[in-house]
Amino acid sequence: IQSGPRTIRYPDPAIGVNDTIKFDFVASKIHDHVKFEHGNKCMITGGANLGRIGIVENREKHPGAFDIVHIRDARGQKFATRAYNVFIIGKGNSSLVKLPTNAGIKLSVIEERDRNLNRK
């Protein structure tokens, strides 16, 4: 349920592996949880797509190998990554956390160059 040194006693039975919880450290209570499923907003935490944000489109389960998750970002670009690189950050299109200024959109090389030239 968690990757830190804290043990959560008696969590909700609806919370499963790879789900995200909203936790109050002062009261040691779970306020909300978000399932790892189709249609939820996610952030990529590793791999070539690090930092990108999008909506989970599909999850391919491969027994004995890595599960693959297909994601669509705000520009409509689709990409895929391993399931352990995906962290769910919100239900539907809403987010439980504040997003970065670029909203996790990956620019092309030309768009990045133009943006850097306009800064100067």
PDB file of N, CA and C in Angstrom:
ATOM      1  N   ILE A   1       0.828  -1.184   0.000  1.00  0.00           N
ATOM      2  CA  ILE A   1       0.000   0.000   0.000  1.00  0.00           C
ATOM      3  C   ILE A   1       0.870   1.245   0.000  1.00  0.00           C
ATOM      4  N   GLN A   2       2.053   1.166   0.542  1.00  0.00           N
ATOM      5  CA  GLN A   2       2.887   2.347   0.659  1.00  0.00           C
ATOM      6  C   GLN A   2       4.344   1.940   0.515  1.00  0.00           C
ATOM      7  N   SER A   3       5.180   2.861   0.032  1.00  0.00           N
ATOM      8  CA  SER A   3       6.590   2.534  -0.132  1.00  0.00           C
ATOM      9  C   SER A   3       7.461   3.229   0.904  1.00  0.00           C
ATOM     10  N   GLY A   4       6.886   3.676   1.999  1.00  0.00           N
ATOM     11  CA  GLY A   4       7.638   4.350   3.040  1.00  0.00           C
ATOM     12  C   GLY A   4       7.690   3.517   4.304  1.00  0.00           C
ATOM     13  N   PRO A   5       8.311   4.050   5.368  1.00  0.00           N
ATOM     14  CA  PRO A   5       8.466   3.283   6.604  1.00  0.00           C
ATOM     15  C   PRO A   5       7.239   3.298   7.508  1.00  0.00           C
ATOM     16  N   ARG A   6       6.114   3.787   7.055  1.00  0.00           N
ATOM     17  CA  ARG A   6       4.926   3.907   7.884  1.00  0.00           C
ATOM     18  C   ARG A   6       3.961   2.758   7.574  1.00  0.00           C
ATOM     19  N   THR A   7       3.392   2.171   8.599  1.00  0.00           N
ATOM     20  CA  THR A   7       2.404   1.113   8.432  1.00  0.00           C
ATOM     21  C   THR A   7       1.024   1.699   8.661  1.00  0.00           C
ATOM     22  N   ILE A   8       0.126   1.449   7.738  1.00  0.00           N
ATOM     23  CA  ILE A   8      -1.243   1.939   7.859  1.00  0.00           C
ATOM     24  C   ILE A   8      -2.096   0.776   8.342  1.00  0.00           C
ATOM     25  N   ARG A   9      -2.645   0.921   9.521  1.00  0.00           N
ATOM     26  CA  ARG A   9      -3.436  -0.160  10.090  1.00  0.00           C
ATOM     27  C   ARG A   9      -4.870  -0.102   9.562  1.00  0.00           C
ATOM     28  N   TYR A  10      -5.385  -1.251   9.225  1.00  0.00           N
ATOM     29  CA  TYR A  10      -6.753  -1.428   8.757  1.00  0.00           C
ATOM     30  C   TYR A  10      -7.120  -0.500   7.594  1.00  0.00           C
ATOM     31  N   PRO A  11      -6.391  -0.606   6.481  1.00  0.00           N
ATOM     32  CA  PRO A  11      -6.778   0.219   5.331  1.00  0.00           C
ATOM     33  C   PRO A  11      -8.080  -0.290   4.727  1.00  0.00           C
ATOM     34  N   ASP A  12      -8.698   0.522   3.934  1.00  0.00           N
ATOM     35  CA  ASP A  12      -9.940   0.146   3.250  1.00  0.00           C
ATOM     36  C   ASP A  12      -9.680  -1.061   2.349  1.00  0.00           C
ATOM     37  N   PRO A  13     -10.512  -2.091   2.398  1.00  0.00           N
ATOM     38  CA  PRO A  13     -10.295  -3.271   1.557  1.00  0.00           C
ATOM     39  C   PRO A  13     -10.410  -2.980   0.063  1.00  0.00           C
ATOM     40  N   ALA A  14     -10.996  -1.845  -0.304  1.00  0.00           N
ATOM     41  CA  ALA A  14     -11.114  -1.485  -1.718  1.00  0.00           C
ATOM     42  C   ALA A  14      -9.789  -0.984  -2.294  1.00  0.00           C
ATOM     43  N   ILE A  15      -8.823  -0.646  -1.439  1.00  0.00           N
ATOM     44  CA  ILE A  15      -7.527  -0.155  -1.900  1.00  0.00           C
ATOM     45  C   ILE A  15      -6.684  -1.346  -2.324  1.00  0.00           C
ATOM     46  N   GLY A  16      -6.181  -1.279  -3.558  1.00  0.00           N
ATOM     47  CA  GLY A  16      -5.399  -2.383  -4.103  1.00  0.00           C
ATOM     48  C   GLY A  16      -3.981  -1.970  -4.449  1.00  0.00           C
ATOM     49  N   VAL A  17      -3.255  -2.892  -5.028  1.00  0.00           N
ATOM     50  CA  VAL A  17      -1.880  -2.641  -5.448  1.00  0.00           C
ATOM     51  C   VAL A  17      -1.878  -1.565  -6.532  1.00  0.00           C
ATOM     52  N   ASN A  18      -0.936  -0.637  -6.465  1.00  0.00           N
ATOM     53  CA  ASN A  18      -0.742   0.483  -7.406  1.00  0.00           C
ATOM     54  C   ASN A  18      -1.785   1.587  -7.264  1.00  0.00           C
ATOM     55  N   ASP A  19      -2.732   1.480  -6.340  1.00  0.00           N
ATOM     56  CA  ASP A  19      -3.672   2.570  -6.100  1.00  0.00           C
ATOM     57  C   ASP A  19      -2.957   3.681  -5.330  1.00  0.00           C
ATOM     58  N   THR A  20      -3.495   4.896  -5.418  1.00  0.00           N
ATOM     59  CA  THR A  20      -2.918   6.048  -4.735  1.00  0.00           C
ATOM     60  C   THR A  20      -3.841   6.455  -3.594  1.00  0.00           C
ATOM     61  N   ILE A  21      -3.257   6.793  -2.448  1.00  0.00           N
ATOM     62  CA  ILE A  21      -4.060   7.237  -1.308  1.00  0.00           C
ATOM     63  C   ILE A  21      -3.720   8.685  -0.965  1.00  0.00           C
ATOM     64  N   LYS A  22      -4.700   9.395  -0.422  1.00  0.00           N
ATOM     65  CA  LYS A  22      -4.490  10.734   0.136  1.00  0.00           C
ATOM     66  C   LYS A  22      -4.516  10.544   1.641  1.00  0.00           C
ATOM     67  N   PHE A  23      -3.370  10.803   2.296  1.00  0.00           N
ATOM     68  CA  PHE A  23      -3.157  10.441   3.684  1.00  0.00           C
ATOM     69  C   PHE A  23      -2.930  11.675   4.540  1.00  0.00           C
ATOM     70  N   ASP A  24      -3.587  11.737   5.698  1.00  0.00           N
ATOM     71  CA  ASP A  24      -3.386  12.802   6.682  1.00  0.00           C
ATOM     72  C   ASP A  24      -2.392  12.289   7.720  1.00  0.00           C
ATOM     73  N   PHE A  25      -1.177  12.836   7.723  1.00  0.00           N
ATOM     74  CA  PHE A  25      -0.135  12.360   8.618  1.00  0.00           C
ATOM     75  C   PHE A  25      -0.399  12.709  10.077  1.00  0.00           C
ATOM     76  N   VAL A  26      -1.072  13.820  10.325  1.00  0.00           N
ATOM     77  CA  VAL A  26      -1.345  14.227  11.694  1.00  0.00           C
ATOM     78  C   VAL A  26      -2.350  13.266  12.343  1.00  0.00           C
ATOM     79  N   ALA A  27      -3.428  12.974  11.634  1.00  0.00           N
ATOM     80  CA  ALA A  27      -4.474  12.101  12.183  1.00  0.00           C
ATOM     81  C   ALA A  27      -4.217  10.627  11.872  1.00  0.00           C
ATOM     82  N   SER A  28      -3.230  10.341  11.029  1.00  0.00           N
ATOM     83  CA  SER A  28      -2.921   8.970  10.580  1.00  0.00           C
ATOM     84  C   SER A  28      -4.152   8.282   9.991  1.00  0.00           C
ATOM     85  N   LYS A  29      -4.838   8.998   9.112  1.00  0.00           N
ATOM     86  CA  LYS A  29      -6.045   8.489   8.467  1.00  0.00           C
ATOM     87  C   LYS A  29      -5.938   8.638   6.951  1.00  0.00           C
ATOM     88  N   ILE A  30      -6.575   7.709   6.253  1.00  0.00           N
ATOM     89  CA  ILE A  30      -6.692   7.799   4.798  1.00  0.00           C
ATOM     90  C   ILE A  30      -7.955   8.590   4.475  1.00  0.00           C
ATOM     91  N   HIS A  31      -7.795   9.720   3.735  1.00  0.00           N
ATOM     92  CA  HIS A  31      -8.940  10.552   3.385  1.00  0.00           C
ATOM     93  C   HIS A  31      -9.595  10.105   2.085  1.00  0.00           C
ATOM     94  N   ASP A  32      -8.794   9.686   1.134  1.00  0.00           N
ATOM     95  CA  ASP A  32      -9.324   9.341  -0.179  1.00  0.00           C
ATOM     96  C   ASP A  32      -8.362   8.384  -0.856  1.00  0.00           C
ATOM     97  N   HIS A  33      -8.851   7.654  -1.839  1.00  0.00           N
ATOM     98  CA  HIS A  33      -7.972   6.816  -2.642  1.00  0.00           C
ATOM     99  C   HIS A  33      -8.442   6.838  -4.088  1.00  0.00           C
ATOM    100  N   VAL A  34      -7.485   6.631  -5.003  1.00  0.00           N
ATOM    101  CA  VAL A  34      -7.755   6.644  -6.434  1.00  0.00           C
ATOM    102  C   VAL A  34      -7.264   5.330  -7.005  1.00  0.00           C
ATOM    103  N   LYS A  35      -8.124   4.652  -7.737  1.00  0.00           N
ATOM    104  CA  LYS A  35      -7.796   3.355  -8.311  1.00  0.00           C
ATOM    105  C   LYS A  35      -6.877   3.517  -9.522  1.00  0.00           C
ATOM    106  N   PHE A  36      -6.035   2.513  -9.750  1.00  0.00           N
ATOM    107  CA  PHE A  36      -5.179   2.444 -10.941  1.00  0.00           C
ATOM    108  C   PHE A  36      -6.034   1.829 -12.048  1.00  0.00           C
ATOM    109  N   GLU A  37      -6.755   2.697 -12.786  1.00  0.00           N
ATOM    110  CA  GLU A  37      -7.652   2.191 -13.807  1.00  0.00           C
ATOM    111  C   GLU A  37      -7.796   3.181 -14.957  1.00  0.00           C
ATOM    112  N   HIS A  38      -8.449   2.723 -16.006  1.00  0.00           N
ATOM    113  CA  HIS A  38      -8.687   3.489 -17.213  1.00  0.00           C
ATOM    114  C   HIS A  38      -9.413   4.803 -16.899  1.00  0.00           C
ATOM    115  N   GLY A  39      -8.958   5.905 -17.497  1.00  0.00           N
ATOM    116  CA  GLY A  39      -9.623   7.189 -17.357  1.00  0.00           C
ATOM    117  C   GLY A  39      -9.096   8.087 -16.263  1.00  0.00           C
ATOM    118  N   ASN A  40      -8.150   7.625 -15.436  1.00  0.00           N
ATOM    119  CA  ASN A  40      -7.613   8.459 -14.362  1.00  0.00           C
ATOM    120  C   ASN A  40      -6.345   9.176 -14.810  1.00  0.00           C
ATOM    121  N   LYS A  41      -6.117  10.351 -14.213  1.00  0.00           N
ATOM    122  CA  LYS A  41      -4.944  11.165 -14.546  1.00  0.00           C
ATOM    123  C   LYS A  41      -3.711  10.578 -13.875  1.00  0.00           C
ATOM    124  N   CYS A  42      -2.582  10.571 -14.600  1.00  0.00           N
ATOM    125  CA  CYS A  42      -1.365   9.979 -14.051  1.00  0.00           C
ATOM    126  C   CYS A  42      -0.141  10.811 -14.419  1.00  0.00           C
ATOM    127  N   MET A  43       0.934  10.581 -13.681  1.00  0.00           N
ATOM    128  CA  MET A  43       2.239  11.190 -13.955  1.00  0.00           C
ATOM    129  C   MET A  43       3.244  10.063 -14.115  1.00  0.00           C
ATOM    130  N   ILE A  44       4.178  10.239 -15.035  1.00  0.00           N
ATOM    131  CA  ILE A  44       5.192   9.231 -15.293  1.00  0.00           C
ATOM    132  C   ILE A  44       6.401   9.532 -14.410  1.00  0.00           C
ATOM    133  N   THR A  45       6.853   8.530 -13.649  1.00  0.00           N
ATOM    134  CA  THR A  45       7.920   8.733 -12.669  1.00  0.00           C
ATOM    135  C   THR A  45       9.253   8.124 -13.079  1.00  0.00           C
ATOM    136  N   GLY A  46       9.340   7.539 -14.269  1.00  0.00           N
ATOM    137  CA  GLY A  46      10.598   6.947 -14.714  1.00  0.00           C
ATOM    138  C   GLY A  46      10.562   6.646 -16.196  1.00  0.00           C
ATOM    139  N   GLY A  47      11.725   6.322 -16.745  1.00  0.00           N
ATOM    140  CA  GLY A  47      11.810   5.970 -18.152  1.00  0.00           C
ATOM    141  C   GLY A  47      11.978   7.189 -19.044  1.00  0.00           C
ATOM    142  N   ALA A  48      11.813   6.977 -20.345  1.00  0.00           N
ATOM    143  CA  ALA A  48      12.015   8.043 -21.327  1.00  0.00           C
ATOM    144  C   ALA A  48      10.944   9.118 -21.257  1.00  0.00           C
ATOM    145  N   ASN A  49       9.792   8.821 -20.696  1.00  0.00           N
ATOM    146  CA  ASN A  49       8.685   9.780 -20.607  1.00  0.00           C
ATOM    147  C   ASN A  49       8.586  10.449 -19.243  1.00  0.00           C
ATOM    148  N   LEU A  50       9.652  10.463 -18.490  1.00  0.00           N
ATOM    149  CA  LEU A  50       9.680  11.023 -17.138  1.00  0.00           C
ATOM    150  C   LEU A  50       9.077  12.426 -17.087  1.00  0.00           C
ATOM    151  N   GLY A  51       8.125  12.634 -16.163  1.00  0.00           N
ATOM    152  CA  GLY A  51       7.530  13.945 -15.952  1.00  0.00           C
ATOM    153  C   GLY A  51       6.294  14.231 -16.787  1.00  0.00           C
ATOM    154  N   ARG A  52       5.984  13.372 -17.735  1.00  0.00           N
ATOM    155  CA  ARG A  52       4.796  13.600 -18.563  1.00  0.00           C
ATOM    156  C   ARG A  52       3.533  13.264 -17.777  1.00  0.00           C
ATOM    157  N   ILE A  53       2.446  13.975 -18.115  1.00  0.00           N
ATOM    158  CA  ILE A  53       1.166  13.795 -17.439  1.00  0.00           C
ATOM    159  C   ILE A  53       0.119  13.476 -18.496  1.00  0.00           C
ATOM    160  N   GLY A  54      -0.760  12.541 -18.175  1.00  0.00           N
ATOM    161  CA  GLY A  54      -1.801  12.185 -19.129  1.00  0.00           C
ATOM    162  C   GLY A  54      -2.902  11.366 -18.481  1.00  0.00           C
ATOM    163  N   ILE A  55      -3.758  10.820 -19.324  1.00  0.00           N
ATOM    164  CA  ILE A  55      -4.894  10.006 -18.905  1.00  0.00           C
ATOM    165  C   ILE A  55      -4.616   8.558 -19.304  1.00  0.00           C
ATOM    166  N   VAL A  56      -4.842   7.636 -18.384  1.00  0.00           N
ATOM    167  CA  VAL A  56      -4.626   6.212 -18.667  1.00  0.00           C
ATOM    168  C   VAL A  56      -5.663   5.755 -19.682  1.00  0.00           C
ATOM    169  N   GLU A  57      -5.194   5.240 -20.816  1.00  0.00           N
ATOM    170  CA  GLU A  57      -6.075   4.742 -21.872  1.00  0.00           C
ATOM    171  C   GLU A  57      -6.311   3.239 -21.739  1.00  0.00           C
ATOM    172  N   ASN A  58      -5.241   2.499 -21.508  1.00  0.00           N
ATOM    173  CA  ASN A  58      -5.324   1.048 -21.552  1.00  0.00           C
ATOM    174  C   ASN A  58      -4.170   0.468 -20.749  1.00  0.00           C
ATOM    175  N   ARG A  59      -4.387  -0.717 -20.183  1.00  0.00           N
ATOM    176  CA  ARG A  59      -3.328  -1.423 -19.470  1.00  0.00           C
ATOM    177  C   ARG A  59      -3.239  -2.836 -20.022  1.00  0.00           C
ATOM    178  N   GLU A  60      -2.082  -3.187 -20.553  1.00  0.00           N
ATOM    179  CA  GLU A  60      -1.849  -4.528 -21.081  1.00  0.00           C
ATOM    180  C   GLU A  60      -1.143  -5.350 -20.023  1.00  0.00           C
ATOM    181  N   LYS A  61      -1.724  -6.481 -19.674  1.00  0.00           N
ATOM    182  CA  LYS A  61      -1.094  -7.362 -18.693  1.00  0.00           C
ATOM    183  C   LYS A  61      -0.345  -8.459 -19.431  1.00  0.00           C
ATOM    184  N   HIS A  62       0.937  -8.609 -19.096  1.00  0.00           N
ATOM    185  CA  HIS A  62       1.789  -9.617 -19.705  1.00  0.00           C
ATOM    186  C   HIS A  62       2.336 -10.516 -18.591  1.00  0.00           C
ATOM    187  N   PRO A  63       1.744 -11.691 -18.385  1.00  0.00           N
ATOM    188  CA  PRO A  63       2.229 -12.582 -17.323  1.00  0.00           C
ATOM    189  C   PRO A  63       3.696 -12.969 -17.547  1.00  0.00           C
ATOM    190  N   GLY A  64       4.486 -12.804 -16.516  1.00  0.00           N
ATOM    191  CA  GLY A  64       5.904 -13.137 -16.604  1.00  0.00           C
ATOM    192  C   GLY A  64       6.752 -12.042 -17.206  1.00  0.00           C
ATOM    193  N   ALA A  65       6.156 -10.927 -17.554  1.00  0.00           N
ATOM    194  CA  ALA A  65       6.892  -9.803 -18.135  1.00  0.00           C
ATOM    195  C   ALA A  65       6.327  -8.498 -17.540  1.00  0.00           C
ATOM    196  N   PHE A  66       6.746  -7.370 -18.109  1.00  0.00           N
ATOM    197  CA  PHE A  66       6.302  -6.068 -17.619  1.00  0.00           C
ATOM    198  C   PHE A  66       4.916  -5.736 -18.155  1.00  0.00           C
ATOM    199  N   ASP A  67       4.044  -5.205 -17.300  1.00  0.00           N
ATOM    200  CA  ASP A  67       2.753  -4.701 -17.751  1.00  0.00           C
ATOM    201  C   ASP A  67       2.979  -3.351 -18.431  1.00  0.00           C
ATOM    202  N   ILE A  68       2.273  -3.104 -19.523  1.00  0.00           N
ATOM    203  CA  ILE A  68       2.418  -1.873 -20.303  1.00  0.00           C
ATOM    204  C   ILE A  68       1.148  -1.043 -20.154  1.00  0.00           C
ATOM    205  N   VAL A  69       1.322   0.267 -19.927  1.00  0.00           N
ATOM    206  CA  VAL A  69       0.206   1.188 -19.800  1.00  0.00           C
ATOM    207  C   VAL A  69       0.274   2.184 -20.949  1.00  0.00           C
ATOM    208  N   HIS A  70      -0.842   2.356 -21.660  1.00  0.00           N
ATOM    209  CA  HIS A  70      -0.946   3.326 -22.751  1.00  0.00           C
ATOM    210  C   HIS A  70      -1.611   4.579 -22.199  1.00  0.00           C
ATOM    211  N   ILE A  71      -1.006   5.745 -22.525  1.00  0.00           N
ATOM    212  CA  ILE A  71      -1.426   7.021 -21.947  1.00  0.00           C
ATOM    213  C   ILE A  71      -1.593   8.048 -23.055  1.00  0.00           C
ATOM    214  N   ARG A  72      -2.572   8.960 -22.897  1.00  0.00           N
ATOM    215  CA  ARG A  72      -2.806  10.064 -23.825  1.00  0.00           C
ATOM    216  C   ARG A  72      -2.627  11.363 -23.051  1.00  0.00           C
ATOM    217  N   ASP A  73      -1.782  12.270 -23.565  1.00  0.00           N
ATOM    218  CA  ASP A  73      -1.551  13.535 -22.856  1.00  0.00           C
ATOM    219  C   ASP A  73      -2.546  14.602 -23.320  1.00  0.00           C
ATOM    220  N   ALA A  74      -2.391  15.837 -22.824  1.00  0.00           N
ATOM    221  CA  ALA A  74      -3.334  16.919 -23.100  1.00  0.00           C
ATOM    222  C   ALA A  74      -3.325  17.339 -24.563  1.00  0.00           C
ATOM    223  N   ARG A  75      -2.250  17.089 -25.286  1.00  0.00           N
ATOM    224  CA  ARG A  75      -2.168  17.429 -26.711  1.00  0.00           C
ATOM    225  C   ARG A  75      -2.715  16.316 -27.601  1.00  0.00           C
ATOM    226  N   GLY A  76      -3.114  15.209 -27.005  1.00  0.00           N
ATOM    227  CA  GLY A  76      -3.631  14.096 -27.781  1.00  0.00           C
ATOM    228  C   GLY A  76      -2.574  13.096 -28.211  1.00  0.00           C
ATOM    229  N   GLN A  77      -1.315  13.332 -27.817  1.00  0.00           N
ATOM    230  CA  GLN A  77      -0.246  12.405 -28.162  1.00  0.00           C
ATOM    231  C   GLN A  77      -0.355  11.171 -27.279  1.00  0.00           C
ATOM    232  N   LYS A  78      -0.174   9.999 -27.898  1.00  0.00           N
ATOM    233  CA  LYS A  78      -0.245   8.750 -27.151  1.00  0.00           C
ATOM    234  C   LYS A  78       1.155   8.185 -26.982  1.00  0.00           C
ATOM    235  N   PHE A  79       1.405   7.604 -25.827  1.00  0.00           N
ATOM    236  CA  PHE A  79       2.679   6.955 -25.551  1.00  0.00           C
ATOM    237  C   PHE A  79       2.440   5.817 -24.585  1.00  0.00           C
ATOM    238  N   ALA A  80       3.429   4.944 -24.439  1.00  0.00           N
ATOM    239  CA  ALA A  80       3.297   3.783 -23.571  1.00  0.00           C
ATOM    240  C   ALA A  80       4.521   3.678 -22.673  1.00  0.00           C
ATOM    241  N   THR A  81       4.335   3.122 -21.494  1.00  0.00           N
ATOM    242  CA  THR A  81       5.424   2.912 -20.553  1.00  0.00           C
ATOM    243  C   THR A  81       5.092   1.719 -19.667  1.00  0.00           C
ATOM    244  N   ARG A  82       6.064   1.279 -18.907  1.00  0.00           N
ATOM    245  CA  ARG A  82       5.834   0.177 -17.974  1.00  0.00           C
ATOM    246  C   ARG A  82       4.947   0.640 -16.824  1.00  0.00           C
ATOM    247  N   ALA A  83       4.164  -0.280 -16.292  1.00  0.00           N
ATOM    248  CA  ALA A  83       3.173   0.064 -15.260  1.00  0.00           C
ATOM    249  C   ALA A  83       3.823   0.625 -13.997  1.00  0.00           C
ATOM    250  N   TYR A  84       5.034   0.158 -13.643  1.00  0.00           N
ATOM    251  CA  TYR A  84       5.628   0.669 -12.401  1.00  0.00           C
ATOM    252  C   TYR A  84       6.171   2.084 -12.551  1.00  0.00           C
ATOM    253  N   ASN A  85       6.169   2.640 -13.766  1.00  0.00           N
ATOM    254  CA  ASN A  85       6.555   4.038 -13.979  1.00  0.00           C
ATOM    255  C   ASN A  85       5.362   4.986 -13.881  1.00  0.00           C
ATOM    256  N   VAL A  86       4.164   4.458 -13.694  1.00  0.00           N
ATOM    257  CA  VAL A  86       2.949   5.264 -13.692  1.00  0.00           C
ATOM    258  C   VAL A  86       2.478   5.478 -12.258  1.00  0.00           C
ATOM    259  N   PHE A  87       2.188   6.753 -11.930  1.00  0.00           N
ATOM    260  CA  PHE A  87       1.681   7.115 -10.607  1.00  0.00           C
ATOM    261  C   PHE A  87       0.377   7.882 -10.809  1.00  0.00           C
ATOM    262  N   ILE A  88      -0.721   7.365 -10.303  1.00  0.00           N
ATOM    263  CA  ILE A  88      -2.027   7.993 -10.469  1.00  0.00           C
ATOM    264  C   ILE A  88      -2.105   9.230  -9.567  1.00  0.00           C
ATOM    265  N   ILE A  89      -2.494  10.389 -10.171  1.00  0.00           N
ATOM    266  CA  ILE A  89      -2.535  11.637  -9.402  1.00  0.00           C
ATOM    267  C   ILE A  89      -3.930  12.245  -9.332  1.00  0.00           C
ATOM    268  N   GLY A  90      -4.923  11.609  -9.953  1.00  0.00           N
ATOM    269  CA  GLY A  90      -6.257  12.181  -9.874  1.00  0.00           C
ATOM    270  C   GLY A  90      -7.325  11.302 -10.482  1.00  0.00           C
ATOM    271  N   LYS A  91      -8.562  11.605 -10.116  1.00  0.00           N
ATOM    272  CA  LYS A  91      -9.715  10.891 -10.661  1.00  0.00           C
ATOM    273  C   LYS A  91     -10.189  11.621 -11.911  1.00  0.00           C
ATOM    274  N   GLY A  92     -10.383  10.873 -12.979  1.00  0.00           N
ATOM    275  CA  GLY A  92     -10.833  11.488 -14.223  1.00  0.00           C
ATOM    276  C   GLY A  92      -9.828  12.511 -14.704  1.00  0.00           C
ATOM    277  N   ASN A  93     -10.312  13.702 -15.053  1.00  0.00           N
ATOM    278  CA  ASN A  93      -9.424  14.754 -15.549  1.00  0.00           C
ATOM    279  C   ASN A  93      -8.972  15.702 -14.438  1.00  0.00           C
ATOM    280  N   SER A  94      -9.469  15.540 -13.210  1.00  0.00           N
ATOM    281  CA  SER A  94      -9.062  16.402 -12.099  1.00  0.00           C
ATOM    282  C   SER A  94      -7.821  15.830 -11.422  1.00  0.00           C
ATOM    283  N   SER A  95      -7.086  16.687 -10.741  1.00  0.00           N
ATOM    284  CA  SER A  95      -5.840  16.282 -10.102  1.00  0.00           C
ATOM    285  C   SER A  95      -5.900  16.533  -8.601  1.00  0.00           C
ATOM    286  N   LEU A  96      -5.312  15.630  -7.818  1.00  0.00           N
ATOM    287  CA  LEU A  96      -5.256  15.799  -6.367  1.00  0.00           C
ATOM    288  C   LEU A  96      -4.063  16.649  -5.933  1.00  0.00           C
ATOM    289  N   VAL A  97      -3.126  16.892  -6.857  1.00  0.00           N
ATOM    290  CA  VAL A  97      -1.920  17.664  -6.555  1.00  0.00           C
ATOM    291  C   VAL A  97      -1.802  18.823  -7.533  1.00  0.00           C
ATOM    292  N   LYS A  98      -0.992  19.820  -7.161  1.00  0.00           N
ATOM    293  CA  LYS A  98      -0.735  20.945  -8.042  1.00  0.00           C
ATOM    294  C   LYS A  98       0.229  20.499  -9.141  1.00  0.00           C
ATOM    295  N   LEU A  99      -0.107  20.815 -10.389  1.00  0.00           N
ATOM    296  CA  LEU A  99       0.702  20.380 -11.524  1.00  0.00           C
ATOM    297  C   LEU A  99       1.743  21.426 -11.901  1.00  0.00           C
ATOM    298  N   PRO A 100       2.842  21.006 -12.566  1.00  0.00           N
ATOM    299  CA  PRO A 100       3.855  21.957 -13.019  1.00  0.00           C
ATOM    300  C   PRO A 100       3.287  22.905 -14.079  1.00  0.00           C
ATOM    301  N   THR A 101       4.012  23.971 -14.381  1.00  0.00           N
ATOM    302  CA  THR A 101       3.515  24.999 -15.293  1.00  0.00           C
ATOM    303  C   THR A 101       3.276  24.468 -16.703  1.00  0.00           C
ATOM    304  N   ASN A 102       4.077  23.526 -17.163  1.00  0.00           N
ATOM    305  CA  ASN A 102       3.887  22.995 -18.515  1.00  0.00           C
ATOM    306  C   ASN A 102       2.868  21.865 -18.546  1.00  0.00           C
ATOM    307  N   ALA A 103       2.289  21.524 -17.428  1.00  0.00           N
ATOM    308  CA  ALA A 103       1.265  20.478 -17.282  1.00  0.00           C
ATOM    309  C   ALA A 103       1.732  19.136 -17.812  1.00  0.00           C
ATOM    310  N   GLY A 104       3.034  18.889 -17.797  1.00  0.00           N
ATOM    311  CA  GLY A 104       3.563  17.586 -18.185  1.00  0.00           C
ATOM    312  C   GLY A 104       3.544  17.311 -19.668  1.00  0.00           C
ATOM    313  N   ILE A 105       3.476  18.358 -20.483  1.00  0.00           N
ATOM    314  CA  ILE A 105       3.445  18.186 -21.931  1.00  0.00           C
ATOM    315  C   ILE A 105       4.872  18.208 -22.462  1.00  0.00           C
ATOM    316  N   LYS A 106       5.216  17.183 -23.253  1.00  0.00           N
ATOM    317  CA  LYS A 106       6.540  17.101 -23.850  1.00  0.00           C
ATOM    318  C   LYS A 106       6.537  17.852 -25.171  1.00  0.00           C
ATOM    319  N   LEU A 107       7.443  18.821 -25.310  1.00  0.00           N
ATOM    320  CA  LEU A 107       7.557  19.594 -26.541  1.00  0.00           C
ATOM    321  C   LEU A 107       8.454  18.872 -27.532  1.00  0.00           C
ATOM    322  N   SER A 108       8.215  19.125 -28.812  1.00  0.00           N
ATOM    323  CA  SER A 108       9.108  18.585 -29.834  1.00  0.00           C
ATOM    324  C   SER A 108      10.420  19.371 -29.789  1.00  0.00           C
ATOM    325  N   VAL A 109      11.420  18.895 -30.486  1.00  0.00           N
ATOM    326  CA  VAL A 109      12.722  19.564 -30.493  1.00  0.00           C
ATOM    327  C   VAL A 109      12.590  20.978 -31.053  1.00  0.00           C
ATOM    328  N   ILE A 110      11.813  21.150 -32.097  1.00  0.00           N
ATOM    329  CA  ILE A 110      11.637  22.463 -32.722  1.00  0.00           C
ATOM    330  C   ILE A 110      10.891  23.409 -31.790  1.00  0.00           C
ATOM    331  N   GLU A 111       9.823  22.930 -31.142  1.00  0.00           N
ATOM    332  CA  GLU A 111       9.071  23.765 -30.209  1.00  0.00           C
ATOM    333  C   GLU A 111       9.926  24.173 -29.016  1.00  0.00           C
ATOM    334  N   GLU A 112      10.761  23.262 -28.536  1.00  0.00           N
ATOM    335  CA  GLU A 112      11.650  23.577 -27.418  1.00  0.00           C
ATOM    336  C   GLU A 112      12.684  24.623 -27.823  1.00  0.00           C
ATOM    337  N   ARG A 113      13.230  24.508 -29.049  1.00  0.00           N
ATOM    338  CA  ARG A 113      14.197  25.476 -29.541  1.00  0.00           C
ATOM    339  C   ARG A 113      13.560  26.851 -29.660  1.00  0.00           C
ATOM    340  N   ASP A 114      12.344  26.936 -30.250  1.00  0.00           N
ATOM    341  CA  ASP A 114      11.652  28.209 -30.391  1.00  0.00           C
ATOM    342  C   ASP A 114      11.361  28.840 -29.028  1.00  0.00           C
ATOM    343  N   ARG A 115      10.955  28.030 -28.068  1.00  0.00           N
ATOM    344  CA  ARG A 115      10.679  28.543 -26.728  1.00  0.00           C
ATOM    345  C   ARG A 115      11.950  29.118 -26.098  1.00  0.00           C
ATOM    346  N   ASN A 116      13.079  28.438 -26.253  1.00  0.00           N
ATOM    347  CA  ASN A 116      14.341  28.920 -25.695  1.00  0.00           C
ATOM    348  C   ASN A 116      14.818  30.188 -26.401  1.00  0.00           C
ATOM    349  N   LEU A 117      14.600  30.312 -27.708  1.00  0.00           N
ATOM    350  CA  LEU A 117      15.003  31.513 -28.430  1.00  0.00           C
ATOM    351  C   LEU A 117      14.150  32.707 -28.040  1.00  0.00           C
ATOM    352  N   ASN A 118      12.872  32.485 -27.747  1.00  0.00           N
ATOM    353  CA  ASN A 118      11.970  33.575 -27.363  1.00  0.00           C
ATOM    354  C   ASN A 118      12.272  34.088 -25.968  1.00  0.00           C
ATOM    355  N   ARG A 119      12.915  33.301 -25.136  1.00  0.00           N
ATOM    356  CA  ARG A 119      13.262  33.740 -23.779  1.00  0.00           C
ATOM    357  C   ARG A 119      14.357  34.802 -23.787  1.00  0.00           C
ATOM    358  N   LYS A 120      15.228  34.728 -24.778  1.00  0.00           N
ATOM    359  CA  LYS A 120      16.390  35.630 -24.805  1.00  0.00           C
ATOM    360  C   LYS A 120      16.045  37.006 -25.277  1.00  0.00           C
TER     361      LYS A 120
END
